[in-house]
Structures are given as structure tokens and as C-alpha cells.
């Protein structure tokens, strides 16, 4: 049996190729908001310079903390971009369609209150081809 020990994080900020790629995408695209989907904690996390949403769908805000090298730390604290992390309850399975629709609706309502005018998407990612 062969094993491979992978480092938990890079030796320094932006030392991993996927981090460099993501940093470049963020800087080129200049988003008003970053949404990250994870599982399986079933909570809503937020990092950033504006007030957090208190809920999105059935997920309630429960900040998980700031971790070096995390997207929330980098985007929310260092780049001053709001980062919503949706921690789904199950990995590999989306919530039922009505819950996904409720989450999308709650996020759009929060965005319309907190983001600058013109920053809110008027369509779903699938409608925009993404």
C-alpha cells in the first residue's frame, strides 16, 4: 500500500496552483459577492465587510470562525469582499427543489438590501449559462 502525505495548506499564501488560479479569477472578474457551497454542517457562514444574512432558506447564520487559508478569510477579510458559505446538510445531494428556490430567493433579497445598486443578479446562474 502506497500513501501520499499531502500538506494541509501551502507553505505561504498563494503558494498552491489552485489558489493562484482562484485569486486571478477573483481579481479579473471583480465580483461583488462570493458564494461558496460546502457540506455537511447544515449552517450558514459569512465573512466580509457588510452585515451578514441571518438565514438563507432553512440555514441559519452560525459563523464557524476564521481559518488561515480559507476562502472566507482571504475574500472576506483580506480582499474585503462578502463571502457567503452555504454548508449544506448532506454532501453529494442537493436539497429538494423548493428549498433550493427558497435559498435563492432569500439570497437575492439579502443582496438587494446589502450590495450596491446594479450588483444584484436578475437571473439564476443557469439562466446566464453558468
N, C-alpha and C. Protein backbone atom coordinates (compact mmCIF):
# COMPACT_ATOMS: atom_id res chain seq x y z
N UNK A 1 0.85 -1.18 0.00
CA UNK A 1 0.00 0.00 0.00
C UNK A 1 0.89 1.23 0.00
N UNK A 2 0.64 2.11 -0.95
CA UNK A 2 1.37 3.37 -1.01
C UNK A 2 0.47 4.47 -0.47
N UNK A 3 1.05 5.38 0.24
CA UNK A 3 0.31 6.53 0.73
C UNK A 3 1.04 7.79 0.31
N UNK A 4 0.29 8.84 0.26
CA UNK A 4 0.87 10.13 -0.11
C UNK A 4 0.43 11.14 0.94
N UNK A 5 1.36 11.74 1.61
CA UNK A 5 1.03 12.76 2.61
C UNK A 5 0.92 14.11 1.91
N UNK A 6 -0.26 14.67 1.91
CA UNK A 6 -0.48 15.98 1.31
C UNK A 6 -0.48 17.04 2.40
N UNK A 7 0.12 18.18 2.13
CA UNK A 7 0.09 19.24 3.14
C UNK A 7 -1.34 19.76 3.32
N UNK A 8 -1.66 20.13 4.54
CA UNK A 8 -2.99 20.68 4.83
C UNK A 8 -3.14 22.04 4.17
N UNK A 9 -2.09 22.80 4.12
CA UNK A 9 -2.12 24.11 3.46
C UNK A 9 -0.76 24.36 2.83
N UNK A 10 -0.70 25.41 2.02
CA UNK A 10 0.56 25.74 1.36
C UNK A 10 1.58 26.29 2.33
N UNK A 11 2.77 26.43 1.84
CA UNK A 11 3.87 26.94 2.67
C UNK A 11 3.70 28.42 2.99
N UNK A 12 3.02 29.12 2.10
CA UNK A 12 2.79 30.56 2.27
C UNK A 12 1.53 30.92 1.49
N UNK A 13 0.97 32.11 1.70
CA UNK A 13 -0.22 32.50 0.94
C UNK A 13 0.02 32.42 -0.56
N UNK A 14 -0.96 31.89 -1.26
CA UNK A 14 -0.96 31.75 -2.72
C UNK A 14 0.21 30.91 -3.23
N UNK A 15 0.61 29.90 -2.47
CA UNK A 15 1.69 29.03 -2.91
C UNK A 15 1.16 27.79 -3.65
N UNK A 16 -0.14 27.57 -3.63
CA UNK A 16 -0.73 26.42 -4.31
C UNK A 16 -1.32 26.86 -5.65
N UNK A 17 -1.18 26.05 -6.71
CA UNK A 17 -1.66 26.46 -8.04
C UNK A 17 -3.15 26.78 -8.08
N UNK A 18 -3.97 26.01 -7.34
CA UNK A 18 -5.41 26.30 -7.37
C UNK A 18 -5.73 27.61 -6.67
N UNK A 19 -4.95 27.99 -5.68
CA UNK A 19 -5.15 29.28 -5.00
C UNK A 19 -4.75 30.43 -5.91
N UNK A 20 -3.67 30.26 -6.64
CA UNK A 20 -3.22 31.28 -7.60
C UNK A 20 -4.29 31.48 -8.66
N UNK A 21 -4.84 30.37 -9.18
CA UNK A 21 -5.88 30.45 -10.20
C UNK A 21 -7.11 31.18 -9.66
N UNK A 22 -7.56 30.81 -8.46
CA UNK A 22 -8.74 31.44 -7.88
C UNK A 22 -8.50 32.92 -7.63
N UNK A 23 -7.33 33.27 -7.13
CA UNK A 23 -7.00 34.68 -6.90
C UNK A 23 -7.08 35.46 -8.21
N UNK A 24 -6.52 34.89 -9.27
CA UNK A 24 -6.55 35.55 -10.58
C UNK A 24 -7.99 35.74 -11.07
N UNK A 25 -8.82 34.70 -10.89
CA UNK A 25 -10.22 34.81 -11.31
C UNK A 25 -10.95 35.90 -10.54
N UNK A 26 -10.74 35.97 -9.25
CA UNK A 26 -11.39 36.99 -8.43
C UNK A 26 -10.94 38.38 -8.86
N UNK A 27 -9.66 38.56 -9.07
CA UNK A 27 -9.14 39.88 -9.46
C UNK A 27 -9.59 40.30 -10.85
N UNK A 28 -9.70 39.35 -11.78
CA UNK A 28 -10.15 39.68 -13.13
C UNK A 28 -11.66 39.92 -13.17
N UNK A 29 -12.42 39.09 -12.50
CA UNK A 29 -13.88 39.18 -12.54
C UNK A 29 -14.41 40.30 -11.65
N UNK A 30 -13.72 40.58 -10.54
CA UNK A 30 -14.11 41.60 -9.56
C UNK A 30 -15.56 41.44 -9.10
N UNK A 31 -15.86 40.31 -8.45
CA UNK A 31 -17.25 40.09 -8.01
C UNK A 31 -17.64 41.02 -6.87
N UNK A 32 -18.93 41.22 -6.73
CA UNK A 32 -19.47 41.96 -5.59
C UNK A 32 -19.72 41.02 -4.41
N UNK A 33 -19.75 39.72 -4.69
CA UNK A 33 -20.08 38.71 -3.69
C UNK A 33 -19.48 37.38 -4.13
N UNK A 34 -18.98 36.61 -3.17
CA UNK A 34 -18.53 35.24 -3.42
C UNK A 34 -19.45 34.32 -2.64
N UNK A 35 -19.97 33.30 -3.33
CA UNK A 35 -20.80 32.29 -2.68
C UNK A 35 -20.07 30.96 -2.80
N UNK A 36 -19.86 30.33 -1.68
CA UNK A 36 -19.15 29.06 -1.62
C UNK A 36 -20.11 28.01 -1.07
N UNK A 37 -20.18 26.85 -1.73
CA UNK A 37 -21.07 25.78 -1.30
C UNK A 37 -20.22 24.64 -0.74
N UNK A 38 -20.54 24.22 0.46
CA UNK A 38 -19.85 23.12 1.14
C UNK A 38 -20.89 22.19 1.76
N UNK A 39 -20.44 21.16 2.41
CA UNK A 39 -21.30 20.25 3.17
C UNK A 39 -20.41 19.57 4.19
N UNK A 40 -20.90 19.03 5.24
CA UNK A 40 -22.27 18.68 5.60
C UNK A 40 -22.75 19.34 6.90
N UNK A 41 -22.27 20.51 7.24
CA UNK A 41 -22.59 21.08 8.56
C UNK A 41 -24.00 21.66 8.69
N UNK A 42 -24.64 21.98 7.58
CA UNK A 42 -26.01 22.48 7.64
C UNK A 42 -26.14 23.84 8.30
N UNK A 43 -25.19 24.74 8.03
CA UNK A 43 -25.23 26.08 8.60
C UNK A 43 -24.91 27.11 7.51
N UNK A 44 -25.11 28.34 7.85
CA UNK A 44 -24.75 29.47 7.00
C UNK A 44 -23.59 30.19 7.67
N UNK A 45 -22.52 30.42 6.91
CA UNK A 45 -21.36 31.14 7.43
C UNK A 45 -21.18 32.40 6.58
N UNK A 46 -20.52 33.39 7.13
CA UNK A 46 -20.32 34.64 6.40
C UNK A 46 -19.05 35.32 6.89
N UNK A 47 -18.32 35.88 5.94
CA UNK A 47 -17.17 36.73 6.23
C UNK A 47 -17.25 37.94 5.32
N UNK A 48 -16.95 39.10 5.84
CA UNK A 48 -16.93 40.27 4.98
C UNK A 48 -17.27 41.55 5.68
N UNK A 49 -17.21 42.62 4.91
CA UNK A 49 -17.32 43.95 5.48
C UNK A 49 -18.75 44.48 5.63
N UNK A 50 -19.76 43.72 5.24
CA UNK A 50 -21.14 44.19 5.33
C UNK A 50 -21.92 43.26 6.26
N UNK A 51 -23.13 43.67 6.68
CA UNK A 51 -23.91 42.81 7.57
C UNK A 51 -24.25 41.47 6.92
N UNK A 52 -24.12 40.42 7.68
CA UNK A 52 -24.37 39.05 7.20
C UNK A 52 -25.85 38.78 7.06
N UNK A 53 -26.22 37.89 6.13
CA UNK A 53 -27.61 37.41 6.12
C UNK A 53 -27.83 36.56 7.37
N UNK A 54 -28.99 36.64 7.95
CA UNK A 54 -29.28 35.87 9.16
C UNK A 54 -29.76 34.46 8.84
N UNK A 55 -30.29 34.30 7.62
CA UNK A 55 -30.72 32.98 7.17
C UNK A 55 -30.77 32.97 5.66
N UNK A 56 -30.59 31.79 5.11
CA UNK A 56 -30.81 31.55 3.69
C UNK A 56 -31.50 30.21 3.61
N UNK A 57 -32.75 30.24 3.18
CA UNK A 57 -33.56 29.02 3.22
C UNK A 57 -33.66 28.57 4.66
N UNK A 58 -33.47 27.29 4.89
CA UNK A 58 -33.53 26.75 6.25
C UNK A 58 -32.23 26.84 7.01
N UNK A 59 -31.20 27.42 6.38
CA UNK A 59 -29.90 27.55 7.05
C UNK A 59 -29.83 28.85 7.82
N UNK A 60 -29.38 28.77 9.06
CA UNK A 60 -29.29 29.94 9.95
C UNK A 60 -27.82 30.30 10.13
N UNK A 61 -27.56 31.60 10.22
CA UNK A 61 -26.19 32.08 10.40
C UNK A 61 -25.58 31.50 11.68
N UNK A 62 -24.48 30.79 11.51
CA UNK A 62 -23.68 30.25 12.61
C UNK A 62 -22.22 30.36 12.19
N UNK A 63 -21.59 31.51 12.43
CA UNK A 63 -20.20 31.68 11.99
C UNK A 63 -19.32 30.56 12.52
N UNK A 64 -18.53 29.98 11.63
CA UNK A 64 -17.67 28.85 12.01
C UNK A 64 -16.27 29.29 12.40
N UNK A 65 -15.97 30.56 12.28
CA UNK A 65 -14.65 31.05 12.65
C UNK A 65 -13.81 31.38 11.43
N UNK A 66 -12.70 32.00 11.67
CA UNK A 66 -11.81 32.42 10.60
C UNK A 66 -10.58 31.52 10.61
N UNK A 67 -10.32 30.89 9.48
CA UNK A 67 -9.21 29.95 9.38
C UNK A 67 -8.20 30.45 8.36
N UNK A 68 -6.92 30.46 8.69
CA UNK A 68 -5.89 30.86 7.73
C UNK A 68 -6.00 30.02 6.46
N UNK A 69 -5.95 30.68 5.32
CA UNK A 69 -6.02 29.98 4.05
C UNK A 69 -7.42 29.71 3.55
N UNK A 70 -8.44 30.00 4.36
CA UNK A 70 -9.81 29.75 3.91
C UNK A 70 -10.27 30.84 2.94
N UNK A 71 -11.25 30.52 2.13
CA UNK A 71 -11.81 31.50 1.19
C UNK A 71 -12.46 32.64 1.96
N UNK A 72 -13.13 32.34 3.07
CA UNK A 72 -13.74 33.39 3.87
C UNK A 72 -12.71 34.36 4.42
N UNK A 73 -11.59 33.84 4.90
CA UNK A 73 -10.52 34.69 5.41
C UNK A 73 -9.94 35.55 4.29
N UNK A 74 -9.61 34.90 3.17
CA UNK A 74 -8.97 35.62 2.07
C UNK A 74 -9.93 36.62 1.41
N UNK A 75 -11.10 36.13 1.00
CA UNK A 75 -12.04 37.02 0.32
C UNK A 75 -12.68 38.01 1.25
N UNK A 76 -13.20 37.52 2.38
CA UNK A 76 -13.97 38.36 3.27
C UNK A 76 -13.16 39.34 4.09
N UNK A 77 -12.01 38.89 4.58
CA UNK A 77 -11.23 39.76 5.45
C UNK A 77 -10.10 40.48 4.73
N UNK A 78 -9.36 39.77 3.88
CA UNK A 78 -8.23 40.40 3.21
C UNK A 78 -8.65 41.24 2.00
N UNK A 79 -9.57 40.70 1.17
CA UNK A 79 -9.97 41.42 -0.04
C UNK A 79 -11.20 42.30 0.18
N UNK A 80 -11.81 42.19 1.35
CA UNK A 80 -12.99 42.99 1.71
C UNK A 80 -14.18 42.73 0.79
N UNK A 81 -14.33 41.47 0.37
CA UNK A 81 -15.48 41.03 -0.41
C UNK A 81 -16.37 40.18 0.48
N UNK A 82 -17.67 40.36 0.44
CA UNK A 82 -18.52 39.47 1.23
C UNK A 82 -18.44 38.04 0.69
N UNK A 83 -18.30 37.09 1.61
CA UNK A 83 -18.24 35.67 1.27
C UNK A 83 -19.32 34.94 2.06
N UNK A 84 -20.31 34.41 1.35
CA UNK A 84 -21.35 33.57 1.95
C UNK A 84 -20.91 32.13 1.75
N UNK A 85 -20.85 31.38 2.83
CA UNK A 85 -20.57 29.96 2.71
C UNK A 85 -21.82 29.21 3.14
N UNK A 86 -22.40 28.51 2.19
CA UNK A 86 -23.58 27.69 2.42
C UNK A 86 -23.09 26.28 2.70
N UNK A 87 -23.27 25.85 3.92
CA UNK A 87 -22.91 24.49 4.31
C UNK A 87 -24.17 23.64 4.25
N UNK A 88 -24.31 22.89 3.17
CA UNK A 88 -25.48 22.02 3.02
C UNK A 88 -25.44 20.91 4.07
N UNK A 89 -26.59 20.31 4.31
CA UNK A 89 -26.68 19.27 5.33
C UNK A 89 -26.10 17.93 4.87
N UNK A 90 -26.07 17.72 3.56
CA UNK A 90 -25.57 16.45 3.02
C UNK A 90 -24.63 16.71 1.86
N UNK A 91 -23.53 15.99 1.82
CA UNK A 91 -22.62 16.08 0.69
C UNK A 91 -23.15 15.18 -0.43
N UNK A 92 -23.04 15.65 -1.66
CA UNK A 92 -23.43 14.83 -2.80
C UNK A 92 -24.90 14.82 -3.11
N UNK A 93 -25.70 15.59 -2.37
CA UNK A 93 -27.14 15.62 -2.64
C UNK A 93 -27.67 17.02 -2.36
N UNK A 94 -28.27 17.61 -3.37
CA UNK A 94 -28.87 18.93 -3.19
C UNK A 94 -30.14 18.83 -2.35
N UNK A 95 -30.49 19.92 -1.69
CA UNK A 95 -31.78 19.93 -1.00
C UNK A 95 -32.91 19.82 -2.04
N UNK A 96 -34.13 19.51 -1.60
CA UNK A 96 -35.26 19.46 -2.54
C UNK A 96 -35.42 20.79 -3.28
N UNK A 97 -35.96 20.74 -4.48
CA UNK A 97 -36.09 21.92 -5.34
C UNK A 97 -36.77 23.11 -4.64
N UNK A 98 -37.86 22.91 -3.88
CA UNK A 98 -38.47 24.06 -3.21
C UNK A 98 -37.51 24.75 -2.22
N UNK A 99 -36.66 23.96 -1.54
CA UNK A 99 -35.69 24.55 -0.61
C UNK A 99 -34.62 25.31 -1.37
N UNK A 100 -34.14 24.78 -2.48
CA UNK A 100 -33.15 25.49 -3.30
C UNK A 100 -33.75 26.82 -3.77
N UNK A 101 -35.00 26.81 -4.21
CA UNK A 101 -35.66 28.03 -4.66
C UNK A 101 -35.78 29.03 -3.51
N UNK A 102 -36.10 28.56 -2.32
CA UNK A 102 -36.21 29.43 -1.14
C UNK A 102 -34.85 30.03 -0.79
N UNK A 103 -33.79 29.21 -0.90
CA UNK A 103 -32.44 29.72 -0.63
C UNK A 103 -32.07 30.81 -1.63
N UNK A 104 -32.34 30.56 -2.90
CA UNK A 104 -32.04 31.54 -3.95
C UNK A 104 -32.82 32.84 -3.71
N UNK A 105 -34.09 32.72 -3.36
CA UNK A 105 -34.93 33.89 -3.10
C UNK A 105 -34.40 34.69 -1.89
N UNK A 106 -34.07 34.00 -0.81
CA UNK A 106 -33.53 34.68 0.37
C UNK A 106 -32.21 35.38 0.05
N UNK A 107 -31.35 34.71 -0.74
CA UNK A 107 -30.07 35.32 -1.07
C UNK A 107 -30.28 36.56 -1.94
N UNK A 108 -31.17 36.50 -2.90
CA UNK A 108 -31.44 37.67 -3.75
C UNK A 108 -32.00 38.83 -2.93
N UNK A 109 -32.87 38.54 -1.99
CA UNK A 109 -33.42 39.60 -1.14
C UNK A 109 -32.31 40.25 -0.31
N UNK A 110 -31.46 39.43 0.28
CA UNK A 110 -30.34 39.96 1.06
C UNK A 110 -29.42 40.80 0.16
N UNK A 111 -29.12 40.28 -1.03
CA UNK A 111 -28.25 41.00 -1.97
C UNK A 111 -28.84 42.37 -2.32
N UNK A 112 -30.14 42.42 -2.56
CA UNK A 112 -30.76 43.69 -2.94
C UNK A 112 -30.70 44.72 -1.83
N UNK A 113 -30.64 44.25 -0.56
CA UNK A 113 -30.54 45.17 0.57
C UNK A 113 -29.10 45.57 0.87
N UNK A 114 -28.13 44.68 0.64
CA UNK A 114 -26.77 44.90 1.12
C UNK A 114 -25.74 45.29 0.06
N UNK A 115 -25.96 44.89 -1.18
CA UNK A 115 -24.97 45.16 -2.22
C UNK A 115 -25.29 46.46 -2.95
N UNK A 116 -24.28 47.08 -3.56
CA UNK A 116 -24.51 48.33 -4.28
C UNK A 116 -25.53 48.14 -5.40
N UNK A 117 -26.27 49.20 -5.74
CA UNK A 117 -27.22 49.11 -6.86
C UNK A 117 -26.51 48.60 -8.12
N UNK A 118 -27.20 47.73 -8.85
CA UNK A 118 -26.63 47.18 -10.07
C UNK A 118 -25.81 45.92 -9.85
N UNK A 119 -25.52 45.59 -8.59
CA UNK A 119 -24.70 44.41 -8.31
C UNK A 119 -25.54 43.15 -8.24
N UNK A 120 -26.85 43.28 -8.04
CA UNK A 120 -27.68 42.10 -7.86
C UNK A 120 -28.00 41.43 -9.18
N UNK A 121 -27.81 40.12 -9.20
CA UNK A 121 -28.14 39.34 -10.39
C UNK A 121 -29.66 39.29 -10.56
N UNK A 122 -30.11 39.44 -11.77
CA UNK A 122 -31.54 39.37 -12.04
C UNK A 122 -31.95 38.02 -12.62
N UNK A 123 -31.00 37.09 -12.70
CA UNK A 123 -31.30 35.76 -13.22
C UNK A 123 -30.51 34.74 -12.41
N UNK A 124 -30.87 33.49 -12.55
CA UNK A 124 -30.14 32.43 -11.87
C UNK A 124 -28.87 32.12 -12.66
N UNK A 125 -27.87 31.49 -12.05
CA UNK A 125 -26.67 31.13 -12.78
C UNK A 125 -26.98 30.28 -14.02
N UNK A 126 -27.96 29.36 -13.91
CA UNK A 126 -28.29 28.51 -15.06
C UNK A 126 -28.86 29.34 -16.21
N UNK A 127 -29.64 30.37 -15.89
CA UNK A 127 -30.19 31.22 -16.94
C UNK A 127 -29.13 32.04 -17.64
N UNK A 128 -28.01 32.31 -16.94
CA UNK A 128 -26.92 33.08 -17.54
C UNK A 128 -25.92 32.17 -18.24
N UNK A 129 -26.17 30.86 -18.18
CA UNK A 129 -25.25 29.93 -18.83
C UNK A 129 -24.09 29.51 -17.97
N UNK A 130 -24.18 29.73 -16.64
CA UNK A 130 -23.06 29.39 -15.75
C UNK A 130 -23.42 28.44 -14.69
